Amino acid sequence: MHEYFHTKFGFCLWDAAALAVLAVMVVVLVVHVIRHKKRERDFEDELSEKMAEQSQTGGKS
């Protein structure tokens, strides 16, 4: 089976497993980047709200 797969498709089963791991890593990276951007926007919104609140109160804590 291994030699048939190797000669028919040009790569071995370990290459297929490595390709699957690479695909999972890419998906995890994309999800991480999307979630990070959302967190960053939320923090920026929170900061701008605090800055606006501070400017209205005259800069006092």
N, C-alpha and C. Protein backbone atom coordinates (compact mmCIF):
# COMPACT_ATOMS: atom_id res chain seq x y z
N MET A 1 0.83 -1.19 0.00
CA MET A 1 0.00 0.00 0.00
C MET A 1 0.87 1.25 0.00
N HIS A 2 1.88 1.27 0.87
CA HIS A 2 2.74 2.45 0.97
C HIS A 2 3.42 2.75 -0.37
N GLU A 3 4.00 1.73 -1.00
CA GLU A 3 4.71 1.96 -2.25
C GLU A 3 3.74 2.35 -3.37
N TYR A 4 2.54 1.79 -3.37
CA TYR A 4 1.55 2.17 -4.37
C TYR A 4 1.17 3.64 -4.19
N PHE A 5 0.89 4.04 -2.99
CA PHE A 5 0.53 5.43 -2.71
C PHE A 5 1.68 6.36 -3.08
N HIS A 6 2.89 5.96 -2.72
CA HIS A 6 4.07 6.78 -2.98
C HIS A 6 4.31 6.93 -4.47
N THR A 7 4.23 5.87 -5.22
CA THR A 7 4.50 5.96 -6.66
C THR A 7 3.33 6.56 -7.42
N LYS A 8 2.12 6.34 -6.96
CA LYS A 8 0.94 6.87 -7.66
C LYS A 8 0.80 8.38 -7.46
N PHE A 9 0.96 8.87 -6.23
CA PHE A 9 0.72 10.28 -5.95
C PHE A 9 2.00 11.10 -5.76
N GLY A 10 3.12 10.46 -5.58
CA GLY A 10 4.39 11.17 -5.50
C GLY A 10 4.78 11.64 -4.11
N PHE A 11 4.05 11.25 -3.08
CA PHE A 11 4.45 11.57 -1.72
C PHE A 11 3.96 10.46 -0.80
N CYS A 12 4.55 10.39 0.38
CA CYS A 12 4.21 9.30 1.29
C CYS A 12 3.13 9.73 2.28
N LEU A 13 2.68 8.81 3.09
CA LEU A 13 1.61 9.10 4.03
C LEU A 13 2.04 10.10 5.11
N TRP A 14 3.34 10.10 5.44
CA TRP A 14 3.83 11.07 6.43
C TRP A 14 3.68 12.49 5.89
N ASP A 15 3.85 12.64 4.59
CA ASP A 15 3.65 13.97 3.99
C ASP A 15 2.19 14.39 4.11
N ALA A 16 1.28 13.46 3.95
CA ALA A 16 -0.14 13.78 4.08
C ALA A 16 -0.46 14.19 5.52
N ALA A 17 0.13 13.51 6.49
CA ALA A 17 -0.08 13.87 7.89
C ALA A 17 0.51 15.25 8.18
N ALA A 18 1.68 15.53 7.66
CA ALA A 18 2.30 16.84 7.86
C ALA A 18 1.47 17.93 7.20
N LEU A 19 0.89 17.64 6.06
CA LEU A 19 0.03 18.61 5.39
C LEU A 19 -1.24 18.89 6.21
N ALA A 20 -1.78 17.87 6.84
CA ALA A 20 -2.96 18.05 7.70
C ALA A 20 -2.60 18.90 8.91
N VAL A 21 -1.45 18.67 9.51
CA VAL A 21 -1.00 19.47 10.65
C VAL A 21 -0.79 20.92 10.22
N LEU A 22 -0.22 21.13 9.06
CA LEU A 22 -0.02 22.49 8.55
C LEU A 22 -1.36 23.19 8.34
N ALA A 23 -2.33 22.49 7.80
CA ALA A 23 -3.66 23.08 7.59
C ALA A 23 -4.29 23.48 8.92
N VAL A 24 -4.17 22.64 9.93
CA VAL A 24 -4.71 22.96 11.25
C VAL A 24 -4.00 24.18 11.83
N MET A 25 -2.69 24.25 11.68
CA MET A 25 -1.94 25.40 12.19
C MET A 25 -2.36 26.69 11.51
N VAL A 26 -2.60 26.65 10.21
CA VAL A 26 -3.04 27.85 9.49
C VAL A 26 -4.41 28.29 9.99
N VAL A 27 -5.32 27.34 10.21
CA VAL A 27 -6.65 27.68 10.71
C VAL A 27 -6.55 28.31 12.10
N VAL A 28 -5.73 27.73 12.97
CA VAL A 28 -5.56 28.28 14.32
C VAL A 28 -4.97 29.69 14.24
N LEU A 29 -4.02 29.92 13.37
CA LEU A 29 -3.42 31.24 13.22
C LEU A 29 -4.46 32.26 12.74
N VAL A 30 -5.28 31.90 11.78
CA VAL A 30 -6.30 32.81 11.27
C VAL A 30 -7.30 33.16 12.37
N VAL A 31 -7.74 32.16 13.13
CA VAL A 31 -8.68 32.40 14.23
C VAL A 31 -8.03 33.30 15.27
N HIS A 32 -6.77 33.06 15.58
CA HIS A 32 -6.07 33.88 16.57
C HIS A 32 -5.99 35.33 16.12
N VAL A 33 -5.66 35.57 14.87
CA VAL A 33 -5.53 36.93 14.36
C VAL A 33 -6.89 37.64 14.40
N ILE A 34 -7.94 36.96 14.02
CA ILE A 34 -9.28 37.57 14.02
C ILE A 34 -9.70 37.92 15.44
N ARG A 35 -9.49 36.99 16.37
CA ARG A 35 -9.87 37.26 17.76
C ARG A 35 -9.03 38.38 18.36
N HIS A 36 -7.74 38.43 18.01
CA HIS A 36 -6.86 39.47 18.52
C HIS A 36 -7.31 40.84 18.03
N LYS A 37 -7.67 40.95 16.77
CA LYS A 37 -8.14 42.22 16.23
C LYS A 37 -9.42 42.67 16.94
N LYS A 38 -10.31 41.74 17.24
CA LYS A 38 -11.54 42.08 17.95
C LYS A 38 -11.22 42.58 19.36
N ARG A 39 -10.32 41.89 20.07
CA ARG A 39 -9.92 42.33 21.40
C ARG A 39 -9.28 43.72 21.35
N GLU A 40 -8.46 43.95 20.35
CA GLU A 40 -7.79 45.23 20.20
C GLU A 40 -8.81 46.35 19.97
N ARG A 41 -9.80 46.12 19.13
CA ARG A 41 -10.85 47.12 18.91
C ARG A 41 -11.63 47.40 20.20
N ASP A 42 -11.95 46.32 20.93
CA ASP A 42 -12.67 46.50 22.19
C ASP A 42 -11.87 47.34 23.18
N PHE A 43 -10.57 47.06 23.28
CA PHE A 43 -9.72 47.83 24.19
C PHE A 43 -9.63 49.29 23.73
N GLU A 44 -9.52 49.53 22.44
CA GLU A 44 -9.46 50.90 21.93
C GLU A 44 -10.76 51.64 22.22
N ASP A 45 -11.90 50.98 22.06
CA ASP A 45 -13.18 51.60 22.37
C ASP A 45 -13.28 51.94 23.85
N GLU A 46 -12.84 51.01 24.69
CA GLU A 46 -12.87 51.24 26.13
C GLU A 46 -11.95 52.41 26.51
N LEU A 47 -10.80 52.47 25.89
CA LEU A 47 -9.86 53.56 26.17
C LEU A 47 -10.44 54.90 25.72
N SER A 48 -11.04 54.94 24.55
CA SER A 48 -11.61 56.21 24.08
C SER A 48 -12.76 56.66 24.96
N GLU A 49 -13.56 55.70 25.46
CA GLU A 49 -14.62 56.06 26.39
C GLU A 49 -14.05 56.65 27.68
N LYS A 50 -13.00 56.04 28.20
CA LYS A 50 -12.37 56.54 29.42
C LYS A 50 -11.76 57.92 29.20
N MET A 51 -11.13 58.12 28.04
CA MET A 51 -10.53 59.41 27.73
C MET A 51 -11.61 60.48 27.61
N ALA A 52 -12.72 60.16 26.97
CA ALA A 52 -13.81 61.13 26.83
C ALA A 52 -14.40 61.45 28.20
N GLU A 53 -14.54 60.45 29.03
CA GLU A 53 -15.07 60.66 30.39
C GLU A 53 -14.11 61.54 31.19
N GLN A 54 -12.82 61.29 31.04
CA GLN A 54 -11.82 62.07 31.76
C GLN A 54 -11.81 63.51 31.30
N SER A 55 -11.97 63.73 30.00
CA SER A 55 -11.93 65.11 29.48
C SER A 55 -13.17 65.89 29.93
N GLN A 56 -14.28 65.20 30.14
CA GLN A 56 -15.49 65.87 30.59
C GLN A 56 -15.40 66.25 32.07
N THR A 57 -14.70 65.43 32.85
CA THR A 57 -14.58 65.72 34.28
C THR A 57 -13.41 66.65 34.59
N GLY A 58 -12.70 67.07 33.59
CA GLY A 58 -11.59 68.00 33.81
C GLY A 58 -10.27 67.31 34.09
N GLY A 59 -10.15 66.04 33.78
CA GLY A 59 -8.88 65.32 33.96
C GLY A 59 -8.65 64.80 35.33
N LYS A 60 -9.64 64.89 36.22
CA LYS A 60 -9.46 64.37 37.57
C LYS A 60 -9.86 62.91 37.62
N SER A 61 -9.14 62.11 38.39
CA SER A 61 -9.42 60.68 38.50
C SER A 61 -10.55 60.41 39.43
